[in-house]
Amino acid sequence: MNIATAAGALALAWAAVAQTPVPPADVRGHGVSEQLVRRVNEAVRTMPPFPALPAGDAPAPAPAPVLVLLAGSEEELARLTGGRIPEWGAGIAIPAERTIVLPVHGRRNRDPRTLVRTLRHELAHIALHDALSPSRIPRWFDEGYARWVAGEWDASAEWRLRLAFAVNRAPPLDSLSLAWPAGAVEADVAYLLATSAVGYLLDQGGEAGLASFLARWRESGDMDAALRRTYGRTLGQFEHDWQRVVRSRYGWALALSHATVFWAFAAVLLIALYVIRRRRNAVRRAALSEPPDRPAFWLGEELAPPDGLSESPPPGHHPPDRPPESDTPRTR
């Protein structure tokens, strides 16, 4: 799948709910091929609009193009970002400068689908800030909305979040508005939590409700007031309800109670027991099939008699309860 095909598939998925067009972009390469630059430009041009975002005022001038910089090496990435992107980061958006930097080297964004998702994620940051400026946007909503419109929430993401709660790697839910984790694992969980918060808003009112909320936020410049008018609760009440739902929905105790998880665990246990039994039986069979090093009945070998004893028993002597042996050799 090439970049244009990946962008087209994404456009079909969002065609029914899109409202605000993707801002124009000026793509430039640093250490990458001109062909890749053209493909990324085409991906931006064919990318579907962003859902639920309020459209700008009709008389307002068109926004300036977003500068998209493609970094083809770690050296170029460090130079273009000033070291602001962590080593696990897939991209960085700077809304105030209308600039996006995408690494396209090593394992970062080499797959066309991954590159399109990352590009859409970063462009969503720019579009969201364009729609709500000059309002301050909490980091959790900024990241949660970008991940949602980029299609970065699926069943695997839900299980990663459940696992984070199970091993106690999830950060405090109220910490997302104060700081963003710097470590790769902790940051991944924070992204998942942020997406679940936007998903909770969608559960409450669907995409129409989210669109109304963002339009009222744009009009008033106040997120808390927009929440009260749209969902009937304050920001504090929303955070409390969301935390309760996250713990109940993604807690490990709930996951274990699901029949699918139970039977999957039972199947793994049965397979493990089967493998252990097979190995044990194989060891037993090997022990039974191997003859002793010097069996007493081995043909062609005679055991040396003890010192002081003759090599042959007296004539007519035989062990108790055994008949006399004939002189004929035994064969197998």
C-alpha atoms as a PDB file:
ATOM      1  CA  MET A   1       0.000   0.000   0.000  1.00  0.00           C
ATOM      2  CA  ASN A   2       1.448   3.400  -0.964  1.00  0.00           C
ATOM      3  CA  ILE A   3       0.878   6.738   0.728  1.00  0.00           C
ATOM      4  CA  ALA A   4      -1.858   7.904  -1.635  1.00  0.00           C
ATOM      5  CA  THR A   5      -3.817   4.655  -1.180  1.00  0.00           C
ATOM      6  CA  ALA A   6      -3.530   4.873   2.610  1.00  0.00           C
ATOM      7  CA  ALA A   7      -4.800   8.455   2.575  1.00  0.00           C
ATOM      8  CA  GLY A   8      -7.694   7.479   0.291  1.00  0.00           C
ATOM      9  CA  ALA A   9      -8.780   4.680   2.623  1.00  0.00           C
ATOM     10  CA  LEU A  10      -8.749   7.091   5.535  1.00  0.00           C
ATOM     11  CA  ALA A  11     -10.834   9.580   3.546  1.00  0.00           C
ATOM     12  CA  LEU A  12     -13.560   7.011   2.903  1.00  0.00           C
ATOM     13  CA  ALA A  13     -13.736   6.165   6.605  1.00  0.00           C
ATOM     14  CA  TRP A  14     -14.361   9.792   7.640  1.00  0.00           C
ATOM     15  CA  ALA A  15     -16.353  11.076   4.658  1.00  0.00           C
ATOM     16  CA  ALA A  16     -19.714  10.995   6.447  1.00  0.00           C
ATOM     17  CA  VAL A  17     -18.686  12.982   9.538  1.00  0.00           C
ATOM     18  CA  ALA A  18     -16.046  15.440   8.352  1.00  0.00           C
ATOM     19  CA  GLN A  19     -16.624  19.173   8.817  1.00  0.00           C
ATOM     20  CA  THR A  20     -13.391  21.140   8.699  1.00  0.00           C
ATOM     21  CA  PRO A  21     -10.903  20.748   5.835  1.00  0.00           C
ATOM     22  CA  VAL A  22      -7.296  19.862   6.435  1.00  0.00           C
ATOM     23  CA  PRO A  23      -5.138  23.002   6.393  1.00  0.00           C
ATOM     24  CA  PRO A  24      -2.888  23.360   3.349  1.00  0.00           C
ATOM     25  CA  ALA A  25       0.664  22.168   3.792  1.00  0.00           C
ATOM     26  CA  ASP A  26       4.085  22.927   2.372  1.00  0.00           C
ATOM     27  CA  VAL A  27       6.084  19.687   2.544  1.00  0.00           C
ATOM     28  CA  ARG A  28       9.857  19.899   2.452  1.00  0.00           C
ATOM     29  CA  GLY A  29      12.420  17.131   2.656  1.00  0.00           C
ATOM     30  CA  HIS A  30      15.704  17.120   4.527  1.00  0.00           C
ATOM     31  CA  GLY A  31      17.748  14.114   3.555  1.00  0.00           C
ATOM     32  CA  VAL A  32      14.816  12.365   1.818  1.00  0.00           C
ATOM     33  CA  SER A  33      13.928  11.773  -1.804  1.00  0.00           C
ATOM     34  CA  GLU A  34      11.873  14.199  -3.878  1.00  0.00           C
ATOM     35  CA  GLN A  35       9.518  11.332  -4.661  1.00  0.00           C
ATOM     36  CA  LEU A  36       8.651  10.960  -0.965  1.00  0.00           C
ATOM     37  CA  VAL A  37       8.064  14.713  -0.690  1.00  0.00           C
ATOM     38  CA  ARG A  38       5.616  14.579  -3.612  1.00  0.00           C
ATOM     39  CA  ARG A  39       3.793  11.607  -2.114  1.00  0.00           C
ATOM     40  CA  VAL A  40       3.378  13.304   1.250  1.00  0.00           C
ATOM     41  CA  ASN A  41       2.099  16.457  -0.466  1.00  0.00           C
ATOM     42  CA  GLU A  42      -0.470  14.323  -2.288  1.00  0.00           C
ATOM     43  CA  ALA A  43      -1.456  12.613   0.981  1.00  0.00           C
ATOM     44  CA  VAL A  44      -2.183  15.991   2.571  1.00  0.00           C
ATOM     45  CA  ARG A  45      -4.168  17.120  -0.457  1.00  0.00           C
ATOM     46  CA  THR A  46      -6.394  14.027  -0.447  1.00  0.00           C
ATOM     47  CA  MET A  47      -6.716  13.697   3.333  1.00  0.00           C
ATOM     48  CA  PRO A  48     -10.319  13.845   4.638  1.00  0.00           C
ATOM     49  CA  PRO A  49     -11.503  16.833   6.688  1.00  0.00           C
ATOM     50  CA  PHE A  50     -11.452  16.687  10.470  1.00  0.00           C
ATOM     51  CA  PRO A  51     -14.703  15.598  12.185  1.00  0.00           C
ATOM     52  CA  ALA A  52     -16.565  17.631  14.803  1.00  0.00           C
ATOM     53  CA  LEU A  53     -14.364  20.737  14.452  1.00  0.00           C
ATOM     54  CA  PRO A  54     -16.276  23.994  14.084  1.00  0.00           C
ATOM     55  CA  ALA A  55     -15.708  25.667  10.729  1.00  0.00           C
ATOM     56  CA  GLY A  56     -14.050  29.061  10.715  1.00  0.00           C
ATOM     57  CA  ASP A  57     -15.844  32.294   9.933  1.00  0.00           C
ATOM     58  CA  ALA A  58     -16.568  32.711   6.228  1.00  0.00           C
ATOM     59  CA  PRO A  59     -14.953  36.168   5.871  1.00  0.00           C
ATOM     60  CA  ALA A  60     -11.816  35.042   7.693  1.00  0.00           C
ATOM     61  CA  PRO A  61      -8.718  34.689   5.501  1.00  0.00           C
ATOM     62  CA  ALA A  62      -7.427  31.218   4.721  1.00  0.00           C
ATOM     63  CA  PRO A  63      -4.838  29.986   7.210  1.00  0.00           C
ATOM     64  CA  ALA A  64      -1.208  29.993   6.250  1.00  0.00           C
ATOM     65  CA  PRO A  65       0.120  26.656   4.994  1.00  0.00           C
ATOM     66  CA  VAL A  66       1.494  24.255   7.585  1.00  0.00           C
ATOM     67  CA  LEU A  67       5.201  23.654   7.117  1.00  0.00           C
ATOM     68  CA  VAL A  68       5.824  19.875   7.130  1.00  0.00           C
ATOM     69  CA  LEU A  69       9.493  18.961   7.447  1.00  0.00           C
ATOM     70  CA  LEU A  70      10.576  15.389   6.692  1.00  0.00           C
ATOM     71  CA  ALA A  71      13.769  14.380   8.494  1.00  0.00           C
ATOM     72  CA  GLY A  72      15.727  11.586   6.817  1.00  0.00           C
ATOM     73  CA  SER A  73      18.240  11.009   9.634  1.00  0.00           C
ATOM     74  CA  GLU A  74      18.710  11.455  13.369  1.00  0.00           C
ATOM     75  CA  GLU A  75      21.052  14.355  12.717  1.00  0.00           C
ATOM     76  CA  GLU A  76      18.443  16.178  10.611  1.00  0.00           C
ATOM     77  CA  LEU A  77      15.757  15.416  13.193  1.00  0.00           C
ATOM     78  CA  ALA A  78      17.847  16.872  16.010  1.00  0.00           C
ATOM     79  CA  ARG A  79      18.656  19.937  13.915  1.00  0.00           C
ATOM     80  CA  LEU A  80      15.035  20.587  12.903  1.00  0.00           C
ATOM     81  CA  THR A  81      13.550  20.062  16.368  1.00  0.00           C
ATOM     82  CA  GLY A  82      16.336  21.304  18.564  1.00  0.00           C
ATOM     83  CA  GLY A  83      16.180  17.978  20.398  1.00  0.00           C
ATOM     84  CA  ARG A  84      12.547  18.507  21.440  1.00  0.00           C
ATOM     85  CA  ILE A  85      11.289  15.114  20.236  1.00  0.00           C
ATOM     86  CA  PRO A  86      12.015  11.983  22.338  1.00  0.00           C
ATOM     87  CA  GLU A  87      13.708   8.997  20.750  1.00  0.00           C
ATOM     88  CA  TRP A  88      10.411   7.082  20.692  1.00  0.00           C
ATOM     89  CA  GLY A  89       8.434   9.988  19.209  1.00  0.00           C
ATOM     90  CA  ALA A  90       6.769   9.546  15.822  1.00  0.00           C
ATOM     91  CA  GLY A  91       6.398  13.276  15.133  1.00  0.00           C
ATOM     92  CA  ILE A  92       6.065  16.727  16.616  1.00  0.00           C
ATOM     93  CA  ALA A  93       3.632  19.571  15.933  1.00  0.00           C
ATOM     94  CA  ILE A  94       4.254  23.181  16.953  1.00  0.00           C
ATOM     95  CA  PRO A  95       0.880  24.950  16.485  1.00  0.00           C
ATOM     96  CA  ALA A  96       2.235  28.394  17.362  1.00  0.00           C
ATOM     97  CA  GLU A  97       4.746  28.082  14.512  1.00  0.00           C
ATOM     98  CA  ARG A  98       2.423  26.068  12.230  1.00  0.00           C
ATOM     99  CA  THR A  99       5.208  23.534  11.823  1.00  0.00           C
ATOM    100  CA  ILE A 100       5.318  19.744  11.859  1.00  0.00           C
ATOM    101  CA  VAL A 101       8.475  17.613  11.888  1.00  0.00           C
ATOM    102  CA  LEU A 102       8.230  13.956  10.911  1.00  0.00           C
ATOM    103  CA  PRO A 103      11.154  11.504  11.108  1.00  0.00           C
ATOM    104  CA  VAL A 104      11.169   9.076   8.175  1.00  0.00           C
ATOM    105  CA  HIS A 105      14.236   6.988   8.921  1.00  0.00           C
ATOM    106  CA  GLY A 106      15.016   3.792  10.778  1.00  0.00           C
ATOM    107  CA  ARG A 107      11.772   2.374  12.149  1.00  0.00           C
ATOM    108  CA  ARG A 108       9.962   5.708  12.321  1.00  0.00           C
ATOM    109  CA  ASN A 109       7.106   6.128   9.853  1.00  0.00           C
ATOM    110  CA  ARG A 110       8.631   3.866   7.210  1.00  0.00           C
ATOM    111  CA  ASP A 111       5.318   2.126   6.538  1.00  0.00           C
ATOM    112  CA  PRO A 112       3.005   4.324   4.376  1.00  0.00           C
ATOM    113  CA  ARG A 113      -0.008   3.695   6.618  1.00  0.00           C
ATOM    114  CA  THR A 114       1.961   4.654   9.706  1.00  0.00           C
ATOM    115  CA  LEU A 115       3.258   7.795   7.997  1.00  0.00           C
ATOM    116  CA  VAL A 116      -0.274   8.877   6.991  1.00  0.00           C
ATOM    117  CA  ARG A 117      -1.621   8.253  10.508  1.00  0.00           C
ATOM    118  CA  THR A 118       1.222  10.203  12.076  1.00  0.00           C
ATOM    119  CA  LEU A 119       0.817  13.060   9.592  1.00  0.00           C
ATOM    120  CA  ARG A 120      -2.938  13.231  10.234  1.00  0.00           C
ATOM    121  CA  HIS A 121      -2.347  13.143  13.993  1.00  0.00           C
ATOM    122  CA  GLU A 122       0.017  16.115  13.846  1.00  0.00           C
ATOM    123  CA  LEU A 123      -2.177  18.052  11.418  1.00  0.00           C
ATOM    124  CA  ALA A 124      -5.109  17.513  13.808  1.00  0.00           C
ATOM    125  CA  HIS A 125      -3.186  19.413  16.489  1.00  0.00           C
ATOM    126  CA  ILE A 126      -2.828  22.363  14.124  1.00  0.00           C
ATOM    127  CA  ALA A 127      -6.495  22.221  13.044  1.00  0.00           C
ATOM    128  CA  LEU A 128      -7.752  21.970  16.634  1.00  0.00           C
ATOM    129  CA  HIS A 129      -5.727  24.995  17.700  1.00  0.00           C
ATOM    130  CA  ASP A 130      -6.941  26.890  14.619  1.00  0.00           C
ATOM    131  CA  ALA A 131     -10.558  26.108  15.544  1.00  0.00           C
ATOM    132  CA  LEU A 132     -10.326  26.981  19.261  1.00  0.00           C
ATOM    133  CA  SER A 133      -7.714  29.753  19.306  1.00  0.00           C
ATOM    134  CA  PRO A 134      -7.026  31.638  21.521  1.00  0.00           C
ATOM    135  CA  SER A 135      -8.441  29.195  24.091  1.00  0.00           C
ATOM    136  CA  ARG A 136      -6.008  27.077  26.087  1.00  0.00           C
ATOM    137  CA  ILE A 137      -6.470  23.388  25.212  1.00  0.00           C
ATOM    138  CA  PRO A 138      -5.606  20.818  27.888  1.00  0.00           C
ATOM    139  CA  ARG A 139      -2.963  18.363  26.806  1.00  0.00           C
ATOM    140  CA  TRP A 140      -5.236  15.368  27.381  1.00  0.00           C
ATOM    141  CA  PHE A 141      -7.918  16.726  25.036  1.00  0.00           C
ATOM    142  CA  ASP A 142      -5.371  17.844  22.436  1.00  0.00           C
ATOM    143  CA  GLU A 143      -3.758  14.399  22.283  1.00  0.00           C
ATOM    144  CA  GLY A 144      -7.002  12.486  22.679  1.00  0.00           C
ATOM    145  CA  TYR A 145      -8.689  14.269  19.781  1.00  0.00           C
ATOM    146  CA  ALA A 146      -5.638  13.857  17.513  1.00  0.00           C
ATOM    147  CA  ARG A 147      -5.420  10.125  18.223  1.00  0.00           C
ATOM    148  CA  TRP A 148      -9.151   9.684  17.672  1.00  0.00           C
ATOM    149  CA  VAL A 149      -9.237  11.344  14.251  1.00  0.00           C
ATOM    150  CA  ALA A 150      -6.067   9.471  13.227  1.00  0.00           C
ATOM    151  CA  GLY A 151      -7.701   6.125  13.984  1.00  0.00           C
ATOM    152  CA  GLU A 152      -5.238   5.223  16.722  1.00  0.00           C
ATOM    153  CA  TRP A 153      -7.798   3.687  19.074  1.00  0.00           C
ATOM    154  CA  ASP A 154      -8.710   0.020  18.581  1.00  0.00           C
ATOM    155  CA  ALA A 155      -9.086  -3.243  20.485  1.00  0.00           C
ATOM    156  CA  SER A 156      -5.319  -3.594  20.956  1.00  0.00           C
ATOM    157  CA  ALA A 157      -5.190  -0.126  22.512  1.00  0.00           C
ATOM    158  CA  GLU A 158      -7.916  -1.111  24.967  1.00  0.00           C
ATOM    159  CA  TRP A 159      -5.978  -4.197  26.043  1.00  0.00           C
ATOM    160  CA  ARG A 160      -2.767  -2.203  26.445  1.00  0.00           C
ATOM    161  CA  LEU A 161      -4.658   0.108  28.769  1.00  0.00           C
ATOM    162  CA  ARG A 162      -6.043  -2.838  30.740  1.00  0.00           C
ATOM    163  CA  LEU A 163      -2.541  -4.274  31.036  1.00  0.00           C
ATOM    164  CA  ALA A 164      -1.211  -0.923  32.267  1.00  0.00           C
ATOM    165  CA  PHE A 165      -3.772  -0.929  35.078  1.00  0.00           C
ATOM    166  CA  ALA A 166      -3.011  -4.589  35.840  1.00  0.00           C
ATOM    167  CA  VAL A 167       0.725  -3.993  36.344  1.00  0.00           C
ATOM    168  CA  ASN A 168       0.178  -0.604  37.998  1.00  0.00           C
ATOM    169  CA  ARG A 169       1.846   1.350  35.190  1.00  0.00           C
ATOM    170  CA  ALA A 170      -1.050   3.751  34.609  1.00  0.00           C
ATOM    171  CA  PRO A 171      -0.348   7.296  35.873  1.00  0.00           C
ATOM    172  CA  PRO A 172      -2.857   9.029  38.148  1.00  0.00           C
ATOM    173  CA  LEU A 173      -5.713  10.118  35.925  1.00  0.00           C
ATOM    174  CA  ASP A 174      -5.734  13.648  37.314  1.00  0.00           C
ATOM    175  CA  SER A 175      -2.021  14.049  36.479  1.00  0.00           C
ATOM    176  CA  LEU A 176      -2.651  14.286  32.723  1.00  0.00           C
ATOM    177  CA  SER A 177      -3.629  17.943  33.001  1.00  0.00           C
ATOM    178  CA  LEU A 178      -0.489  18.792  34.981  1.00  0.00           C
ATOM    179  CA  ALA A 179       2.374  16.995  33.239  1.00  0.00           C
ATOM    180  CA  TRP A 180       3.015  14.522  30.450  1.00  0.00           C
ATOM    181  CA  PRO A 181       5.214  11.476  31.125  1.00  0.00           C
ATOM    182  CA  ALA A 182       8.612  11.471  29.436  1.00  0.00           C
ATOM    183  CA  GLY A 183       9.200   7.700  29.341  1.00  0.00           C
ATOM    184  CA  ALA A 184       8.015   5.686  26.359  1.00  0.00           C
ATOM    185  CA  VAL A 185       5.799   3.246  28.287  1.00  0.00           C
ATOM    186  CA  GLU A 186       4.305   5.875  30.578  1.00  0.00           C
ATOM    187  CA  ALA A 187       3.695   8.268  27.676  1.00  0.00           C
ATOM    188  CA  ASP A 188       1.971   5.522  25.685  1.00  0.00           C
ATOM    189  CA  VAL A 189      -0.412   4.907  28.594  1.00  0.00           C
ATOM    190  CA  ALA A 190      -1.041   8.651  28.904  1.00  0.00           C
ATOM    191  CA  TYR A 191      -1.951   8.795  25.197  1.00  0.00           C
ATOM    192  CA  LEU A 192      -4.346   5.878  25.691  1.00  0.00           C
ATOM    193  CA  LEU A 193      -5.973   7.553  28.679  1.00  0.00           C
ATOM    194  CA  ALA A 194      -6.341  10.808  26.765  1.00  0.00           C
ATOM    195  CA  THR A 195      -8.028   8.998  23.887  1.00  0.00           C
ATOM    196  CA  SER A 196     -10.360   7.228  26.306  1.00  0.00           C
ATOM    197  CA  ALA A 197     -11.402  10.619  27.698  1.00  0.00           C
ATOM    198  CA  VAL A 198     -12.430  11.870  24.255  1.00  0.00           C
ATOM    199  CA  GLY A 199     -14.084   8.500  23.678  1.00  0.00           C
ATOM    200  CA  TYR A 200     -16.079   9.023  26.873  1.00  0.00           C
ATOM    201  CA  LEU A 201     -17.379  12.338  25.498  1.00  0.00           C
ATOM    202  CA  LEU A 202     -18.386  10.524  22.326  1.00  0.00           C
ATOM    203  CA  ASP A 203     -20.192   7.898  24.400  1.00  0.00           C
ATOM    204  CA  GLN A 204     -22.199  10.665  26.057  1.00  0.00           C
ATOM    205  CA  GLY A 205     -23.372  12.486  22.928  1.00  0.00           C
ATOM    206  CA  GLY A 206     -21.871  10.996  19.796  1.00  0.00           C
ATOM    207  CA  GLU A 207     -20.103  13.043  17.154  1.00  0.00           C
ATOM    208  CA  ALA A 208     -22.971  15.557  17.063  1.00  0.00           C
ATOM    209  CA  GLY A 209     -22.536  16.171  20.784  1.00  0.00           C
ATOM    210  CA  LEU A 210     -18.781  16.590  20.406  1.00  0.00           C
ATOM    211  CA  ALA A 211     -19.328  19.040  17.531  1.00  0.00           C
ATOM    212  CA  SER A 212     -21.768  21.091  19.670  1.00  0.00           C
ATOM    213  CA  PHE A 213     -19.310  21.068  22.571  1.00  0.00           C
ATOM    214  CA  LEU A 214     -16.446  22.328  20.391  1.00  0.00           C
ATOM    215  CA  ALA A 215     -18.632  24.987  18.763  1.00  0.00           C
ATOM    216  CA  ARG A 216     -19.688  26.317  22.187  1.00  0.00           C
ATOM    217  CA  TRP A 217     -16.098  26.164  23.378  1.00  0.00           C
ATOM    218  CA  ARG A 218     -15.098  28.262  20.364  1.00  0.00           C
ATOM    219  CA  GLU A 219     -17.897  30.796  20.997  1.00  0.00           C
ATOM    220  CA  SER A 220     -17.284  31.244  24.731  1.00  0.00           C
ATOM    221  CA  GLY A 221     -13.585  30.499  24.948  1.00  0.00           C
ATOM    222  CA  ASP A 222     -14.401  28.536  28.113  1.00  0.00           C
ATOM    223  CA  MET A 223     -14.133  24.741  28.131  1.00  0.00           C
ATOM    224  CA  ASP A 224     -15.938  24.376  31.456  1.00  0.00           C
ATOM    225  CA  ALA A 225     -18.901  26.462  30.306  1.00  0.00           C
ATOM    226  CA  ALA A 226     -19.108  24.518  27.051  1.00  0.00           C
ATOM    227  CA  LEU A 227     -19.165  21.241  28.985  1.00  0.00           C
ATOM    228  CA  ARG A 228     -21.990  22.441  31.219  1.00  0.00           C
ATOM    229  CA  ARG A 229     -24.086  23.592  28.265  1.00  0.00           C
ATOM    230  CA  THR A 230     -23.496  20.423  26.231  1.00  0.00           C
ATOM    231  CA  TYR A 231     -23.209  17.586  28.741  1.00  0.00           C
ATOM    232  CA  GLY A 232     -24.733  19.127  31.854  1.00  0.00           C
ATOM    233  CA  ARG A 233     -21.671  18.754  34.043  1.00  0.00           C
ATOM    234  CA  THR A 234     -18.663  20.781  35.059  1.00  0.00           C
ATOM    235  CA  LEU A 235     -15.103  19.901  34.089  1.00  0.00           C
ATOM    236  CA  GLY A 236     -14.504  18.561  37.587  1.00  0.00           C
ATOM    237  CA  GLN A 237     -17.613  16.370  37.396  1.00  0.00           C
ATOM    238  CA  PHE A 238     -16.594  15.115  33.967  1.00  0.00           C
ATOM    239  CA  GLU A 239     -13.116  14.164  35.187  1.00  0.00           C
ATOM    240  CA  HIS A 240     -14.592  12.346  38.190  1.00  0.00           C
ATOM    241  CA  ASP A 241     -17.080  10.406  36.058  1.00  0.00           C
ATOM    242  CA  TRP A 242     -14.436   9.614  33.435  1.00  0.00           C
ATOM    243  CA  GLN A 243     -12.006   8.275  36.041  1.00  0.00           C
ATOM    244  CA  ARG A 244     -14.725   6.024  37.460  1.00  0.00           C
ATOM    245  CA  VAL A 245     -15.632   4.702  34.005  1.00  0.00           C
ATOM    246  CA  VAL A 246     -11.972   4.118  33.044  1.00  0.00           C
ATOM    247  CA  ARG A 247     -11.298   2.087  36.175  1.00  0.00           C
ATOM    248  CA  SER A 248     -14.455   0.011  35.761  1.00  0.00           C
ATOM    249  CA  ARG A 249     -14.039  -0.479  32.002  1.00  0.00           C
ATOM    250  CA  TYR A 250     -10.325  -1.174  31.797  1.00  0.00           C
ATOM    251  CA  GLY A 251      -9.556  -2.595  35.220  1.00  0.00           C
ATOM    252  CA  TRP A 252      -7.967  -6.043  35.177  1.00  0.00           C
ATOM    253  CA  ALA A 253     -10.607  -7.585  37.443  1.00  0.00           C
ATOM    254  CA  LEU A 254     -13.237  -6.824  34.813  1.00  0.00           C
ATOM    255  CA  ALA A 255     -11.040  -8.215  32.066  1.00  0.00           C
ATOM    256  CA  LEU A 256     -10.653 -11.532  33.891  1.00  0.00           C
ATOM    257  CA  SER A 257     -14.407 -11.753  34.368  1.00  0.00           C
ATOM    258  CA  HIS A 258     -14.995 -11.836  30.618  1.00  0.00           C
ATOM    259  CA  ALA A 259     -15.775 -15.301  29.279  1.00  0.00           C
ATOM    260  CA  THR A 260     -13.410 -14.786  26.348  1.00  0.00           C
ATOM    261  CA  VAL A 261     -10.478 -14.103  28.648  1.00  0.00           C
ATOM    262  CA  PHE A 262     -11.389 -17.039  30.903  1.00  0.00           C
ATOM    263  CA  TRP A 263     -11.513 -19.555  28.072  1.00  0.00           C
ATOM    264  CA  ALA A 264      -8.367 -18.127  26.481  1.00  0.00           C
ATOM    265  CA  PHE A 265      -6.559 -18.572  29.798  1.00  0.00           C
ATOM    266  CA  ALA A 266      -7.966 -22.110  30.144  1.00  0.00           C
ATOM    267  CA  ALA A 267      -6.797 -22.987  26.622  1.00  0.00           C
ATOM    268  CA  VAL A 268      -3.266 -21.727  27.324  1.00  0.00           C
ATOM    269  CA  LEU A 269      -3.192 -23.723  30.576  1.00  0.00           C
ATOM    270  CA  LEU A 270      -4.322 -26.925  28.833  1.00  0.00           C
ATOM    271  CA  ILE A 271      -1.720 -26.502  26.090  1.00  0.00           C
ATOM    272  CA  ALA A 272       1.001 -25.974  28.698  1.00  0.00           C
ATOM    273  CA  LEU A 273      -0.045 -29.102  30.608  1.00  0.00           C
ATOM    274  CA  TYR A 274      -0.106 -31.116  27.378  1.00  0.00           C
ATOM    275  CA  VAL A 275       3.421 -30.006  26.461  1.00  0.00           C
ATOM    276  CA  ILE A 276       4.715 -30.810  29.958  1.00  0.00           C
ATOM    277  CA  ARG A 277       3.135 -34.287  29.873  1.00  0.00           C
ATOM    278  CA  ARG A 278       4.559 -35.032  26.423  1.00  0.00           C
ATOM    279  CA  ARG A 279       8.045 -34.071  27.550  1.00  0.00           C
ATOM    280  CA  ARG A 280       7.753 -36.206  30.688  1.00  0.00           C
ATOM    281  CA  ASN A 281       6.532 -39.213  28.700  1.00  0.00           C
ATOM    282  CA  ALA A 282       9.352 -38.764  26.179  1.00  0.00           C
ATOM    283  CA  VAL A 283      11.910 -38.886  28.995  1.00  0.00           C
ATOM    284  CA  ARG A 284      10.327 -42.056  30.377  1.00  0.00           C
ATOM    285  CA  ARG A 285      10.291 -43.745  26.971  1.00  0.00           C
ATOM    286  CA  ALA A 286      13.928 -42.842  26.415  1.00  0.00           C
ATOM    287  CA  ALA A 287      14.880 -44.354  29.782  1.00  0.00           C
ATOM    288  CA  LEU A 288      13.007 -47.587  29.023  1.00  0.00           C
ATOM    289  CA  SER A 289      14.408 -47.993  25.520  1.00  0.00           C
ATOM    290  CA  GLU A 290      18.098 -47.572  26.422  1.00  0.00           C
ATOM    291  CA  PRO A 291      19.837 -50.888  27.462  1.00  0.00           C
ATOM    292  CA  PRO A 292      22.263 -50.941  30.390  1.00  0.00           C
ATOM    293  CA  ASP A 293      25.912 -50.407  29.629  1.00  0.00           C
ATOM    294  CA  ARG A 294      26.860 -54.038  30.540  1.00  0.00           C
ATOM    295  CA  PRO A 295      23.765 -56.230  30.743  1.00  0.00           C
ATOM    296  CA  ALA A 296      24.335 -59.645  32.268  1.00  0.00           C
ATOM    297  CA  PHE A 297      22.708 -61.390  29.322  1.00  0.00           C
ATOM    298  CA  TRP A 298      24.816 -59.670  26.662  1.00  0.00           C
ATOM    299  CA  LEU A 299      25.961 -62.351  24.229  1.00  0.00           C
ATOM    300  CA  GLY A 300      29.678 -62.792  23.868  1.00  0.00           C
ATOM    301  CA  GLU A 301      30.518 -61.390  27.310  1.00  0.00           C
ATOM    302  CA  GLU A 302      31.115 -63.379  30.474  1.00  0.00           C
ATOM    303  CA  LEU A 303      31.191 -61.950  33.906  1.00  0.00           C
ATOM    304  CA  ALA A 304      34.436 -62.553  35.719  1.00  0.00           C
ATOM    305  CA  PRO A 305      33.978 -64.834  38.735  1.00  0.00           C
ATOM    306  CA  PRO A 306      34.906 -63.539  42.157  1.00  0.00           C
ATOM    307  CA  ASP A 307      38.378 -64.304  43.481  1.00  0.00           C
ATOM    308  CA  GLY A 308      38.721 -67.783  44.951  1.00  0.00           C
ATOM    309  CA  LEU A 309      35.836 -69.260  43.031  1.00  0.00           C
ATOM    310  CA  SER A 310      36.131 -71.560  40.081  1.00  0.00           C
ATOM    311  CA  GLU A 311      35.033 -70.253  36.752  1.00  0.00           C
ATOM    312  CA  SER A 312      32.448 -73.080  36.369  1.00  0.00           C
ATOM    313  CA  PRO A 313      29.996 -74.418  38.909  1.00  0.00           C
ATOM    314  CA  PRO A 314      30.171 -78.060  40.062  1.00  0.00           C
ATOM    315  CA  PRO A 315      28.607 -80.580  37.700  1.00  0.00           C
ATOM    316  CA  GLY A 316      24.874 -80.795  38.090  1.00  0.00           C
ATOM    317  CA  HIS A 317      24.655 -77.613  40.133  1.00  0.00           C
ATOM    318  CA  HIS A 318      22.018 -75.055  39.281  1.00  0.00           C
ATOM    319  CA  PRO A 319      20.449 -72.135  41.124  1.00  0.00           C
ATOM    320  CA  PRO A 320      17.387 -72.858  43.261  1.00  0.00           C
ATOM    321  CA  ASP A 321      14.008 -72.890  41.481  1.00  0.00           C
ATOM    322  CA  ARG A 322      15.709 -72.871  38.056  1.00  0.00           C
ATOM    323  CA  PRO A 323      15.999 -75.854  35.754  1.00  0.00           C
ATOM    324  CA  PRO A 324      19.442 -76.928  34.542  1.00  0.00           C
ATOM    325  CA  GLU A 325      20.563 -75.015  31.557  1.00  0.00           C
ATOM    326  CA  SER A 326      21.232 -76.896  28.382  1.00  0.00           C
ATOM    327  CA  ASP A 327      24.527 -76.688  26.586  1.00  0.00           C
ATOM    328  CA  THR A 328      22.857 -75.108  23.577  1.00  0.00           C
ATOM    329  CA  PRO A 329      23.665 -71.339  23.270  1.00  0.00           C
ATOM    330  CA  ARG A 330      20.652 -68.963  23.500  1.00  0.00           C
ATOM    331  CA  THR A 331      20.006 -66.611  20.722  1.00  0.00           C
ATOM    332  CA  ARG A 332      17.673 -63.622  20.141  1.00  0.00           C
END
